[in-house]
Each structure stands twice: as C-alpha cells, then as structure tokens.
C-alpha cells in the first residue's frame, strides 16, 4: 500500500516510517506540516494518508483541516487521523463524510501495533476505522448535552430545512415566513448550538453536521 505520513514529532514520524516499511508498505513521503502534506498528496495521490490533527504553525487544527481537504479534493485517498484526544466537531465531520476510506484513532492506539495496522488496512480497503473511545465519547456527549433539545419547534423546522439544503429564501417559502424571520431563527440556532463564526468554515454546514451528529 502507498502511504504518506504527516506528523510534526520527528521521533514518532520516523517510527511510523520504519514500522510501515517493515510491514511492506511503500512510504511515499513523511512530512512535518499540513502544507507539505497537501503538496505531496497533489503530486503522488497515495492510497492512504496518516495525519496528526495538530501540526505547525499554530498546532491547533492544521492536520485535520488538511485531512478534510484531501477528502474533498481526492476522495479516492484514504485518511487515517491521529489525535491525542477526541475533538468532537472534527470527528463528526469525518464520520458524516461519504465514501468510507476514513479513520480516527487516538495516539495511544498507535502503541498497539496490531490495532493500528488493522485500522490502516481497513481504511486502505475503502472502509472506516474509528477508535472505540472516540465513538464512546461522541455518544456520551450527545446524550449528556444534546443542544437540539434547546431549540424551539420553529427553530427545528428551520434546521430541518437547512439540512435539506434550502437557502433562507427557500426556507421562507417553505415555512411561509419572512426572510428576516428566518435569518433571526438561523442566528438563534447558531447561538444555541455554540457555533461561532470562524474563518474557513460554513456555519450552516456545521449546524447540519451537529444536527446529524446528535
């Protein structure tokens, strides 16, 4: 299998290179930041990318953003994301994607070599591989703090329309209310679901993902 690795820790990166090479995989590139990863994927288009969630320069979400971009631009490339802990929004985005070829493992799982290699093989074969702890935390958080329970019936109607892909104008026609009223409901939905305006993200898409994820 043709694999690329994106991990800013040189020690872990080289360890993964040696492990995968020993298992007979062809490691096309091993890089330390998201920009280099995207460039390498554009050139080689591997079977699977193994990427850390947090990478330079800010060490926040560069890796997961790059992984989601790879899923969009090169859907035939599998993505196996590694993280120190569960980042719920990003995990839901990966789970909600179509086409398989995706996985999300906690880094502790990499120490369990057999489980890591099994997850890699599943993603490479077109399947999915989600860490049991990731799934457990997603379910636990959803049950404990389901934000949808705070929405009014009208706000639920608006969110339902958003999930169907309707614009504010389309929602206005569907629900027989003014566009300004729809906009107010949408703003209220964003507030109740805790979706702040963030550069590079569509709040409507995140609201629908939250709707699907809970």
C-alpha atoms as a PDB file:
ATOM      1  CA  UNK A   1       0.000   0.000   0.000  1.00  0.00           C
ATOM      2  CA  UNK A   2       1.240   3.518  -0.874  1.00  0.00           C
ATOM      3  CA  UNK A   3       1.211   5.620   2.302  1.00  0.00           C
ATOM      4  CA  UNK A   4       2.071   9.188   3.337  1.00  0.00           C
ATOM      5  CA  UNK A   5       2.709  10.336   6.891  1.00  0.00           C
ATOM      6  CA  UNK A   6       2.157  13.838   8.308  1.00  0.00           C
ATOM      7  CA  UNK A   7       3.411  14.158  11.896  1.00  0.00           C
ATOM      8  CA  UNK A   8       5.345  17.054  13.435  1.00  0.00           C
ATOM      9  CA  UNK A   9       7.092  14.865  16.021  1.00  0.00           C
ATOM     10  CA  UNK A  10      10.228  13.648  14.235  1.00  0.00           C
ATOM     11  CA  UNK A  11      10.532  10.696  16.624  1.00  0.00           C
ATOM     12  CA  UNK A  12       7.008   9.425  16.006  1.00  0.00           C
ATOM     13  CA  UNK A  13       7.221  10.217  12.286  1.00  0.00           C
ATOM     14  CA  UNK A  14      10.359   8.147  11.814  1.00  0.00           C
ATOM     15  CA  UNK A  15       8.944   5.374  13.959  1.00  0.00           C
ATOM     16  CA  UNK A  16       5.873   5.174  11.729  1.00  0.00           C
ATOM     17  CA  UNK A  17       8.043   5.174   8.598  1.00  0.00           C
ATOM     18  CA  UNK A  18      10.079   2.235   9.900  1.00  0.00           C
ATOM     19  CA  UNK A  19       7.009   0.324  11.094  1.00  0.00           C
ATOM     20  CA  UNK A  20       5.155   0.685   7.783  1.00  0.00           C
ATOM     21  CA  UNK A  21       8.248  -0.122   5.730  1.00  0.00           C
ATOM     22  CA  UNK A  22       8.842  -3.258   7.809  1.00  0.00           C
ATOM     23  CA  UNK A  23       5.241  -4.292   7.077  1.00  0.00           C
ATOM     24  CA  UNK A  24       5.864  -3.995   3.341  1.00  0.00           C
ATOM     25  CA  UNK A  25       4.136  -0.667   2.716  1.00  0.00           C
ATOM     26  CA  UNK A  26       5.609   1.948   0.387  1.00  0.00           C
ATOM     27  CA  UNK A  27       6.042   5.204   2.322  1.00  0.00           C
ATOM     28  CA  UNK A  28       5.983   7.892  -0.371  1.00  0.00           C
ATOM     29  CA  UNK A  29       6.585  10.855   1.945  1.00  0.00           C
ATOM     30  CA  UNK A  30       6.913  11.701   5.639  1.00  0.00           C
ATOM     31  CA  UNK A  31       6.354  15.405   6.347  1.00  0.00           C
ATOM     32  CA  UNK A  32       6.003  17.649   9.369  1.00  0.00           C
ATOM     33  CA  UNK A  33       3.327  20.147   8.359  1.00  0.00           C
ATOM     34  CA  UNK A  34      -0.003  20.350   6.551  1.00  0.00           C
ATOM     35  CA  UNK A  35       1.221  22.453   3.626  1.00  0.00           C
ATOM     36  CA  UNK A  36       3.876  19.893   2.733  1.00  0.00           C
ATOM     37  CA  UNK A  37       1.281  17.135   3.072  1.00  0.00           C
ATOM     38  CA  UNK A  38      -1.139  18.742   0.619  1.00  0.00           C
ATOM     39  CA  UNK A  39       1.656  19.307  -1.880  1.00  0.00           C
ATOM     40  CA  UNK A  40       2.807  15.699  -1.613  1.00  0.00           C
ATOM     41  CA  UNK A  41      -0.741  14.339  -1.997  1.00  0.00           C
ATOM     42  CA  UNK A  42      -1.312  16.506  -5.075  1.00  0.00           C
ATOM     43  CA  UNK A  43       1.828  15.061  -6.669  1.00  0.00           C
ATOM     44  CA  UNK A  44       1.544  11.398  -5.701  1.00  0.00           C
ATOM     45  CA  UNK A  45      -2.072  10.722  -4.640  1.00  0.00           C
ATOM     46  CA  UNK A  46      -1.285   7.826  -2.280  1.00  0.00           C
ATOM     47  CA  UNK A  47      -3.642   5.095  -1.135  1.00  0.00           C
ATOM     48  CA  UNK A  48      -3.745   6.352   2.464  1.00  0.00           C
ATOM     49  CA  UNK A  49      -2.575   9.401   4.414  1.00  0.00           C
ATOM     50  CA  UNK A  50      -1.786   9.096   8.132  1.00  0.00           C
ATOM     51  CA  UNK A  51      -2.069  12.598   9.621  1.00  0.00           C
ATOM     52  CA  UNK A  52      -1.777  14.162  13.053  1.00  0.00           C
ATOM     53  CA  UNK A  53      -4.608  16.555  13.953  1.00  0.00           C
ATOM     54  CA  UNK A  54      -2.315  19.282  15.307  1.00  0.00           C
ATOM     55  CA  UNK A  55       0.639  20.491  13.264  1.00  0.00           C
ATOM     56  CA  UNK A  56       2.619  23.697  12.645  1.00  0.00           C
ATOM     57  CA  UNK A  57       2.417  26.614  12.558  1.00  0.00           C
ATOM     58  CA  UNK A  58      -0.305  27.029  15.231  1.00  0.00           C
ATOM     59  CA  UNK A  59      -0.539  23.412  16.424  1.00  0.00           C
ATOM     60  CA  UNK A  60      -4.340  23.644  16.552  1.00  0.00           C
ATOM     61  CA  UNK A  61      -6.215  22.001  13.691  1.00  0.00           C
ATOM     62  CA  UNK A  62      -3.980  22.243  10.615  1.00  0.00           C
ATOM     63  CA  UNK A  63      -3.756  18.487  10.237  1.00  0.00           C
ATOM     64  CA  UNK A  64      -7.477  17.775  10.436  1.00  0.00           C
ATOM     65  CA  UNK A  65      -8.284  20.679   8.106  1.00  0.00           C
ATOM     66  CA  UNK A  66      -5.805  19.253   5.589  1.00  0.00           C
ATOM     67  CA  UNK A  67      -7.365  15.805   6.019  1.00  0.00           C
ATOM     68  CA  UNK A  68     -10.840  17.163   5.299  1.00  0.00           C
ATOM     69  CA  UNK A  69      -9.490  18.995   2.248  1.00  0.00           C
ATOM     70  CA  UNK A  70      -7.926  15.762   0.989  1.00  0.00           C
ATOM     71  CA  UNK A  71     -11.282  14.016   1.453  1.00  0.00           C
ATOM     72  CA  UNK A  72     -12.895  16.706  -0.694  1.00  0.00           C
ATOM     73  CA  UNK A  73     -10.279  17.037  -3.450  1.00  0.00           C
ATOM     74  CA  UNK A  74      -9.085  13.434  -3.682  1.00  0.00           C
ATOM     75  CA  UNK A  75     -11.900  11.193  -2.385  1.00  0.00           C
ATOM     76  CA  UNK A  76     -10.034   8.091  -3.566  1.00  0.00           C
ATOM     77  CA  UNK A  77      -7.284   8.796  -0.990  1.00  0.00           C
ATOM     78  CA  UNK A  78      -7.931   7.239   2.414  1.00  0.00           C
ATOM     79  CA  UNK A  79      -7.327   9.358   5.524  1.00  0.00           C
ATOM     80  CA  UNK A  80      -6.383   7.982   8.949  1.00  0.00           C
ATOM     81  CA  UNK A  81      -6.257  10.793  11.529  1.00  0.00           C
ATOM     82  CA  UNK A  82      -4.295  10.562  14.783  1.00  0.00           C
ATOM     83  CA  UNK A  83      -5.097  12.720  17.807  1.00  0.00           C
ATOM     84  CA  UNK A  84      -4.131  12.999  21.469  1.00  0.00           C
ATOM     85  CA  UNK A  85      -7.803  13.283  22.440  1.00  0.00           C
ATOM     86  CA  UNK A  86     -11.280  13.418  20.902  1.00  0.00           C
ATOM     87  CA  UNK A  87     -12.062  16.673  19.093  1.00  0.00           C
ATOM     88  CA  UNK A  88     -15.785  16.267  18.653  1.00  0.00           C
ATOM     89  CA  UNK A  89     -16.512  18.671  15.808  1.00  0.00           C
ATOM     90  CA  UNK A  90     -13.782  17.244  13.609  1.00  0.00           C
ATOM     91  CA  UNK A  91     -14.696  13.655  14.422  1.00  0.00           C
ATOM     92  CA  UNK A  92     -18.318  14.334  13.449  1.00  0.00           C
ATOM     93  CA  UNK A  93     -17.185  15.943  10.188  1.00  0.00           C
ATOM     94  CA  UNK A  94     -15.195  12.834   9.313  1.00  0.00           C
ATOM     95  CA  UNK A  95     -17.979  10.464  10.301  1.00  0.00           C
ATOM     96  CA  UNK A  96     -20.540  12.484   8.346  1.00  0.00           C
ATOM     97  CA  UNK A  97     -18.484  12.307   5.159  1.00  0.00           C
ATOM     98  CA  UNK A  98     -19.410   9.931   2.364  1.00  0.00           C
ATOM     99  CA  UNK A  99     -17.476   7.179   0.663  1.00  0.00           C
ATOM    100  CA  UNK A 100     -15.605   5.469   3.504  1.00  0.00           C
ATOM    101  CA  UNK A 101     -11.800   5.450   3.458  1.00  0.00           C
ATOM    102  CA  UNK A 102     -11.575   7.290   6.756  1.00  0.00           C
ATOM    103  CA  UNK A 103     -10.407   6.638  10.292  1.00  0.00           C
ATOM    104  CA  UNK A 104      -9.852   8.471  13.583  1.00  0.00           C
ATOM    105  CA  UNK A 105      -7.535   6.929  16.185  1.00  0.00           C
ATOM    106  CA  UNK A 106      -6.234   8.214  19.482  1.00  0.00           C
ATOM    107  CA  UNK A 107      -2.439   8.233  19.518  1.00  0.00           C
ATOM    108  CA  UNK A 108      -2.368   5.727  22.359  1.00  0.00           C
ATOM    109  CA  UNK A 109      -3.734   3.240  19.840  1.00  0.00           C
ATOM    110  CA  UNK A 110      -0.571   3.565  17.718  1.00  0.00           C
ATOM    111  CA  UNK A 111       1.301   1.806  20.526  1.00  0.00           C
ATOM    112  CA  UNK A 112      -0.968  -1.174  19.891  1.00  0.00           C
ATOM    113  CA  UNK A 113       0.787  -2.018  16.627  1.00  0.00           C
ATOM    114  CA  UNK A 114      -1.659  -4.701  15.534  1.00  0.00           C
ATOM    115  CA  UNK A 115      -4.690  -2.436  16.010  1.00  0.00           C
ATOM    116  CA  UNK A 116      -3.027   0.450  14.201  1.00  0.00           C
ATOM    117  CA  UNK A 117      -2.060  -1.700  11.221  1.00  0.00           C
ATOM    118  CA  UNK A 118      -5.526  -3.228  11.114  1.00  0.00           C
ATOM    119  CA  UNK A 119      -7.090   0.259  11.030  1.00  0.00           C
ATOM    120  CA  UNK A 120      -4.717   1.312   8.258  1.00  0.00           C
ATOM    121  CA  UNK A 121      -5.610  -1.756   6.194  1.00  0.00           C
ATOM    122  CA  UNK A 122      -9.341  -1.154   6.655  1.00  0.00           C
ATOM    123  CA  UNK A 123      -9.079   2.473   5.541  1.00  0.00           C
ATOM    124  CA  UNK A 124      -6.923   1.475   2.577  1.00  0.00           C
ATOM    125  CA  UNK A 125      -9.512  -1.125   1.559  1.00  0.00           C
ATOM    126  CA  UNK A 126     -12.260   1.501   1.482  1.00  0.00           C
ATOM    127  CA  UNK A 127     -13.673   1.006   4.963  1.00  0.00           C
ATOM    128  CA  UNK A 128     -13.736   3.011   8.184  1.00  0.00           C
ATOM    129  CA  UNK A 129     -11.797   2.684  11.429  1.00  0.00           C
ATOM    130  CA  UNK A 130     -12.872   4.721  14.451  1.00  0.00           C
ATOM    131  CA  UNK A 131     -11.288   4.319  17.849  1.00  0.00           C
ATOM    132  CA  UNK A 132     -13.801   2.782  20.314  1.00  0.00           C
ATOM    133  CA  UNK A 133     -13.017   5.591  22.760  1.00  0.00           C
ATOM    134  CA  UNK A 134     -13.857   8.195  20.096  1.00  0.00           C
ATOM    135  CA  UNK A 135     -17.233   6.564  19.498  1.00  0.00           C
ATOM    136  CA  UNK A 136     -17.898   6.235  23.248  1.00  0.00           C
ATOM    137  CA  UNK A 137     -17.177   9.908  23.911  1.00  0.00           C
ATOM    138  CA  UNK A 138     -19.275  11.074  20.979  1.00  0.00           C
ATOM    139  CA  UNK A 139     -22.239   9.057  22.193  1.00  0.00           C
ATOM    140  CA  UNK A 140     -21.746  10.122  25.822  1.00  0.00           C
ATOM    141  CA  UNK A 141     -21.540  13.819  24.984  1.00  0.00           C
ATOM    142  CA  UNK A 142     -24.519  13.617  22.682  1.00  0.00           C
ATOM    143  CA  UNK A 143     -26.664  12.025  25.377  1.00  0.00           C
ATOM    144  CA  UNK A 144     -25.489  14.368  28.107  1.00  0.00           C
ATOM    145  CA  UNK A 145     -25.637  17.741  26.379  1.00  0.00           C
ATOM    146  CA  UNK A 146     -27.830  17.440  23.322  1.00  0.00           C
ATOM    147  CA  UNK A 147     -28.161  21.071  22.167  1.00  0.00           C
ATOM    148  CA  UNK A 148     -31.087  20.242  19.910  1.00  0.00           C
ATOM    149  CA  UNK A 149     -33.315  19.968  22.977  1.00  0.00           C
ATOM    150  CA  UNK A 150     -32.930  23.740  23.482  1.00  0.00           C
ATOM    151  CA  UNK A 151     -34.368  24.633  20.066  1.00  0.00           C
ATOM    152  CA  UNK A 152     -37.958  25.812  19.722  1.00  0.00           C
ATOM    153  CA  UNK A 153     -40.285  23.881  17.360  1.00  0.00           C
ATOM    154  CA  UNK A 154     -39.953  26.673  14.781  1.00  0.00           C
ATOM    155  CA  UNK A 155     -36.161  26.602  15.035  1.00  0.00           C
ATOM    156  CA  UNK A 156     -36.291  22.839  14.482  1.00  0.00           C
ATOM    157  CA  UNK A 157     -38.352  23.451  11.347  1.00  0.00           C
ATOM    158  CA  UNK A 158     -35.741  25.895  10.086  1.00  0.00           C
ATOM    159  CA  UNK A 159     -32.897  23.482  10.886  1.00  0.00           C
ATOM    160  CA  UNK A 160     -34.755  20.680   9.098  1.00  0.00           C
ATOM    161  CA  UNK A 161     -34.962  22.919   6.021  1.00  0.00           C
ATOM    162  CA  UNK A 162     -31.253  23.742   6.293  1.00  0.00           C
ATOM    163  CA  UNK A 163     -30.478  20.016   6.422  1.00  0.00           C
ATOM    164  CA  UNK A 164     -32.369  19.614   3.147  1.00  0.00           C
ATOM    165  CA  UNK A 165     -30.114  22.249   1.585  1.00  0.00           C
ATOM    166  CA  UNK A 166     -32.647  25.089   1.425  1.00  0.00           C
ATOM    167  CA  UNK A 167     -31.410  28.682   1.484  1.00  0.00           C
ATOM    168  CA  UNK A 168     -33.013  31.293   3.733  1.00  0.00           C
ATOM    169  CA  UNK A 169     -35.204  32.321   0.816  1.00  0.00           C
ATOM    170  CA  UNK A 170     -36.223  28.723   0.160  1.00  0.00           C
ATOM    171  CA  UNK A 171     -36.905  28.187   3.859  1.00  0.00           C
ATOM    172  CA  UNK A 172     -39.019  31.357   3.891  1.00  0.00           C
ATOM    173  CA  UNK A 173     -41.194  29.991   1.095  1.00  0.00           C
ATOM    174  CA  UNK A 174     -41.408  26.524   2.649  1.00  0.00           C
ATOM    175  CA  UNK A 175     -42.416  27.747   6.110  1.00  0.00           C
ATOM    176  CA  UNK A 176     -44.431  30.787   4.946  1.00  0.00           C
ATOM    177  CA  UNK A 177     -42.475  33.304   6.992  1.00  0.00           C
ATOM    178  CA  UNK A 178     -40.417  36.367   6.100  1.00  0.00           C
ATOM    179  CA  UNK A 179     -36.750  36.031   5.159  1.00  0.00           C
ATOM    180  CA  UNK A 180     -35.823  38.302   8.085  1.00  0.00           C
ATOM    181  CA  UNK A 181     -37.666  35.974  10.479  1.00  0.00           C
ATOM    182  CA  UNK A 182     -35.772  33.007   9.036  1.00  0.00           C
ATOM    183  CA  UNK A 183     -32.484  34.868   9.478  1.00  0.00           C
ATOM    184  CA  UNK A 184     -33.316  35.524  13.136  1.00  0.00           C
ATOM    185  CA  UNK A 185     -34.095  31.844  13.689  1.00  0.00           C
ATOM    186  CA  UNK A 186     -30.850  30.833  11.971  1.00  0.00           C
ATOM    187  CA  UNK A 187     -28.861  33.209  14.189  1.00  0.00           C
ATOM    188  CA  UNK A 188     -30.592  31.762  17.256  1.00  0.00           C
ATOM    189  CA  UNK A 189     -29.790  28.211  16.109  1.00  0.00           C
ATOM    190  CA  UNK A 190     -26.099  29.087  15.725  1.00  0.00           C
ATOM    191  CA  UNK A 191     -26.069  30.558  19.222  1.00  0.00           C
ATOM    192  CA  UNK A 192     -27.822  27.621  20.884  1.00  0.00           C
ATOM    193  CA  UNK A 193     -25.607  25.076  19.116  1.00  0.00           C
ATOM    194  CA  UNK A 194     -22.488  27.018  20.096  1.00  0.00           C
ATOM    195  CA  UNK A 195     -21.361  27.587  16.512  1.00  0.00           C
ATOM    196  CA  UNK A 196     -19.270  30.748  16.384  1.00  0.00           C
ATOM    197  CA  UNK A 197     -18.312  32.484  13.151  1.00  0.00           C
ATOM    198  CA  UNK A 198     -14.920  31.027  12.220  1.00  0.00           C
ATOM    199  CA  UNK A 199     -12.913  31.875   9.123  1.00  0.00           C
ATOM    200  CA  UNK A 200     -12.813  28.997   6.668  1.00  0.00           C
ATOM    201  CA  UNK A 201     -15.946  27.252   7.951  1.00  0.00           C
ATOM    202  CA  UNK A 202     -19.596  27.432   6.892  1.00  0.00           C
ATOM    203  CA  UNK A 203     -21.779  27.778   9.980  1.00  0.00           C
ATOM    204  CA  UNK A 204     -24.748  26.326   8.070  1.00  0.00           C
ATOM    205  CA  UNK A 205     -22.767  23.170   7.266  1.00  0.00           C
ATOM    206  CA  UNK A 206     -21.551  22.862  10.865  1.00  0.00           C
ATOM    207  CA  UNK A 207     -25.115  23.274  12.152  1.00  0.00           C
ATOM    208  CA  UNK A 208     -26.312  20.466   9.899  1.00  0.00           C
ATOM    209  CA  UNK A 209     -23.379  18.272  10.973  1.00  0.00           C
ATOM    210  CA  UNK A 210     -24.285  18.932  14.617  1.00  0.00           C
ATOM    211  CA  UNK A 211     -27.889  18.027  13.749  1.00  0.00           C
ATOM    212  CA  UNK A 212     -26.777  14.761  12.154  1.00  0.00           C
ATOM    213  CA  UNK A 213     -24.189  14.017  14.826  1.00  0.00           C
ATOM    214  CA  UNK A 214     -26.616  14.269  17.725  1.00  0.00           C
END
